[in-house]
Amino acid sequence: MNLKVLKRTFAEITKSIGLETKFGGFVKETEEVVIVLSFQKSSYSTQVYLNIKLYVQGIFGKKYQLSRELVCSDVGDVFRRSPKDYDQIFDLGSDLSDNERIEQLKAFVDDFLSGFVQQVSTVKGIMSLAEKGELFLLPAVKSELEKISERNRLYL
């Protein structure tokens, strides 16, 4: 399987969890967060990395508009990659057949990605994952998320 086929297959599988293909990436927008997934080819191996970038609306006074720059070059307010457990799926040089890779991609979406995307759709979910150690927040980002959470509580 090549990268083009991987992207096309990934797009088909992730439609079910609300991801849309835009600007060469996979995007889901909520009121609070813009979630962007994009593939990055390794320069040194056959590995492809799945970058997961989160843009939090209102952080540092920013209001994000979906653009090619957000998808292709920025790293987001919060950044992570897919868990190491799934590296074989994204290693295009591995011995997986196309059918095996597709089945493992479906399992990756079911077992990890769908729940993760659902949780990071809100500031509360992002902070919860950070508390569990599943996301790393830079200190300035954590501070801003706490401010946003506090403001949101005032409007409940």
Protein backbone atom coordinates (compact mmCIF):
# COMPACT_ATOMS: atom_id res chain seq x y z
CA MET A 1 0.00 0.00 0.00
CA ASN A 2 1.33 3.44 -0.84
CA LEU A 3 0.66 6.72 0.97
CA LYS A 4 -2.01 7.85 -1.48
CA VAL A 5 -4.01 4.64 -0.96
CA LEU A 6 -3.48 4.83 2.82
CA LYS A 7 -4.90 8.37 2.88
CA ARG A 8 -7.89 7.41 0.75
CA THR A 9 -8.60 4.34 2.90
CA PHE A 10 -8.16 6.35 6.11
CA ALA A 11 -10.60 8.99 4.79
CA GLU A 12 -13.23 6.34 4.07
CA ILE A 13 -12.87 4.71 7.48
CA THR A 14 -12.85 7.95 9.50
CA LYS A 15 -15.99 9.40 7.89
CA SER A 16 -17.92 7.34 10.44
CA ILE A 17 -16.42 9.35 13.32
CA GLY A 18 -17.08 12.71 11.71
CA LEU A 19 -13.72 13.47 10.12
CA GLU A 20 -13.84 15.27 6.78
CA THR A 21 -11.06 15.47 4.21
CA LYS A 22 -9.88 19.06 3.75
CA PHE A 23 -6.60 20.55 2.53
CA GLY A 24 -4.99 17.11 2.40
CA GLY A 25 -5.79 16.32 6.04
CA PHE A 26 -8.67 15.05 8.12
CA VAL A 27 -10.66 17.59 10.10
CA LYS A 28 -13.45 17.80 12.65
CA GLU A 29 -14.63 21.14 13.96
CA THR A 30 -16.58 21.62 17.18
CA GLU A 31 -17.60 24.77 19.00
CA GLU A 32 -14.53 24.53 21.23
CA VAL A 33 -11.84 22.71 19.21
CA VAL A 34 -10.61 22.23 15.66
CA ILE A 35 -9.18 18.70 15.39
CA VAL A 36 -6.73 18.11 12.54
CA LEU A 37 -5.08 14.83 11.59
CA SER A 38 -2.42 14.69 8.91
CA PHE A 39 0.12 12.22 7.64
CA GLN A 40 3.84 12.96 7.62
CA LYS A 41 6.23 10.69 5.72
CA SER A 42 9.51 9.89 7.45
CA SER A 43 12.60 11.05 5.59
CA TYR A 44 14.58 8.07 6.85
CA SER A 45 12.26 5.07 6.61
CA THR A 46 8.99 3.75 5.23
CA GLN A 47 7.19 4.94 8.37
CA VAL A 48 4.33 7.42 8.07
CA TYR A 49 3.36 9.42 11.17
CA LEU A 50 -0.20 10.34 12.01
CA ASN A 51 -0.02 13.83 13.48
CA ILE A 52 -2.93 14.89 15.68
CA LYS A 53 -3.23 18.63 16.19
CA LEU A 54 -5.76 20.41 18.37
CA TYR A 55 -6.61 24.09 18.00
CA VAL A 56 -8.61 25.40 20.94
CA GLN A 57 -11.00 28.24 20.15
CA GLY A 58 -10.31 31.25 22.37
CA ILE A 59 -6.87 30.14 23.56
CA PHE A 60 -4.50 33.11 23.76
CA GLY A 61 -7.37 35.17 22.34
CA LYS A 62 -7.32 33.30 19.00
CA LYS A 63 -10.30 32.33 16.88
CA TYR A 64 -9.25 29.65 14.41
CA GLN A 65 -10.51 29.44 10.84
CA LEU A 66 -9.84 26.22 9.01
CA SER A 67 -7.11 26.76 6.40
CA ARG A 68 -4.38 24.93 4.53
CA GLU A 69 -1.82 26.36 6.97
CA LEU A 70 -3.60 24.83 9.99
CA VAL A 71 -3.73 21.44 8.31
CA CYS A 72 -0.33 21.35 6.63
CA SER A 73 2.17 23.30 8.69
CA ASP A 74 1.11 24.45 12.15
CA VAL A 75 1.55 22.13 15.13
CA GLY A 76 -1.56 23.26 17.00
CA ASP A 77 -2.06 24.25 20.61
CA VAL A 78 -1.84 20.57 21.53
CA PHE A 79 0.06 18.02 19.45
CA ARG A 80 0.52 14.29 19.61
CA ARG A 81 0.99 11.33 17.33
CA SER A 82 -0.81 8.01 17.18
CA PRO A 83 0.21 5.60 19.96
CA LYS A 84 3.30 3.48 19.31
CA ASP A 85 1.15 0.33 19.52
CA TYR A 86 -0.15 1.16 16.05
CA ASP A 87 3.17 1.93 14.32
CA GLN A 88 3.05 -1.22 12.18
CA ILE A 89 -0.14 -0.01 10.49
CA PHE A 90 1.62 3.17 9.41
CA ASP A 91 4.86 1.49 8.32
CA LEU A 92 4.36 1.15 4.58
CA GLY A 93 7.33 -1.22 4.39
CA SER A 94 5.89 -3.72 6.86
CA ASP A 95 4.82 -7.18 5.75
CA LEU A 96 1.10 -6.43 6.18
CA SER A 97 -1.09 -7.19 3.20
CA ASP A 98 -3.46 -4.44 2.09
CA ASN A 99 -6.41 -6.31 3.63
CA GLU A 100 -4.57 -6.78 6.95
CA ARG A 101 -3.62 -3.08 7.00
CA ILE A 102 -7.22 -2.06 6.31
CA GLU A 103 -8.52 -4.31 9.10
CA GLN A 104 -5.92 -2.91 11.51
CA LEU A 105 -6.80 0.65 10.46
CA LYS A 106 -10.45 -0.08 11.26
CA ALA A 107 -9.41 -1.48 14.65
CA PHE A 108 -7.23 1.60 15.29
CA VAL A 109 -10.21 3.87 14.57
CA ASP A 110 -12.57 1.78 16.71
CA ASP A 111 -10.18 1.12 19.61
CA PHE A 112 -8.39 4.47 19.85
CA LEU A 113 -9.28 7.23 17.45
CA SER A 114 -13.07 7.45 17.78
CA GLY A 115 -12.95 7.78 21.58
CA PHE A 116 -9.97 10.11 21.43
CA VAL A 117 -11.62 12.43 18.90
CA GLN A 118 -14.79 12.48 20.96
CA GLN A 119 -12.88 13.40 24.13
CA VAL A 120 -10.70 16.12 22.59
CA SER A 121 -13.77 17.80 21.11
CA THR A 122 -14.05 19.83 24.31
CA VAL A 123 -11.66 21.70 26.59
CA LYS A 124 -12.87 19.57 29.51
CA GLY A 125 -11.99 16.40 27.57
CA ILE A 126 -8.53 17.70 26.67
CA MET A 127 -7.81 18.54 30.30
CA SER A 128 -9.07 15.12 31.40
CA LEU A 129 -6.74 13.34 28.97
CA ALA A 130 -3.85 15.52 30.15
CA GLU A 131 -4.57 14.58 33.76
CA LYS A 132 -4.45 10.90 32.77
CA GLY A 133 -1.11 11.44 31.01
CA GLU A 134 -2.52 10.72 27.54
CA LEU A 135 -1.77 14.26 26.34
CA PHE A 136 1.06 16.58 27.25
CA LEU A 137 0.17 20.23 27.70
CA LEU A 138 2.78 22.95 27.67
CA PRO A 139 2.48 25.04 30.86
CA ALA A 140 1.19 28.14 29.02
CA VAL A 141 -1.41 26.04 27.18
CA LYS A 142 -2.52 24.36 30.41
CA SER A 143 -2.91 27.76 32.06
CA GLU A 144 -4.99 29.08 29.15
CA LEU A 145 -7.20 25.97 29.14
CA GLU A 146 -7.84 26.44 32.86
CA LYS A 147 -8.89 30.05 32.18
CA ILE A 148 -11.20 28.95 29.37
CA SER A 149 -12.71 26.24 31.60
CA GLU A 150 -13.31 28.75 34.36
CA ARG A 151 -14.99 31.17 31.92
CA ASN A 152 -17.15 28.37 30.53
CA ARG A 153 -18.33 27.42 34.02
CA LEU A 154 -19.57 30.97 34.51
CA TYR A 155 -21.92 30.56 31.56
CA LEU A 156 -23.43 27.21 32.60
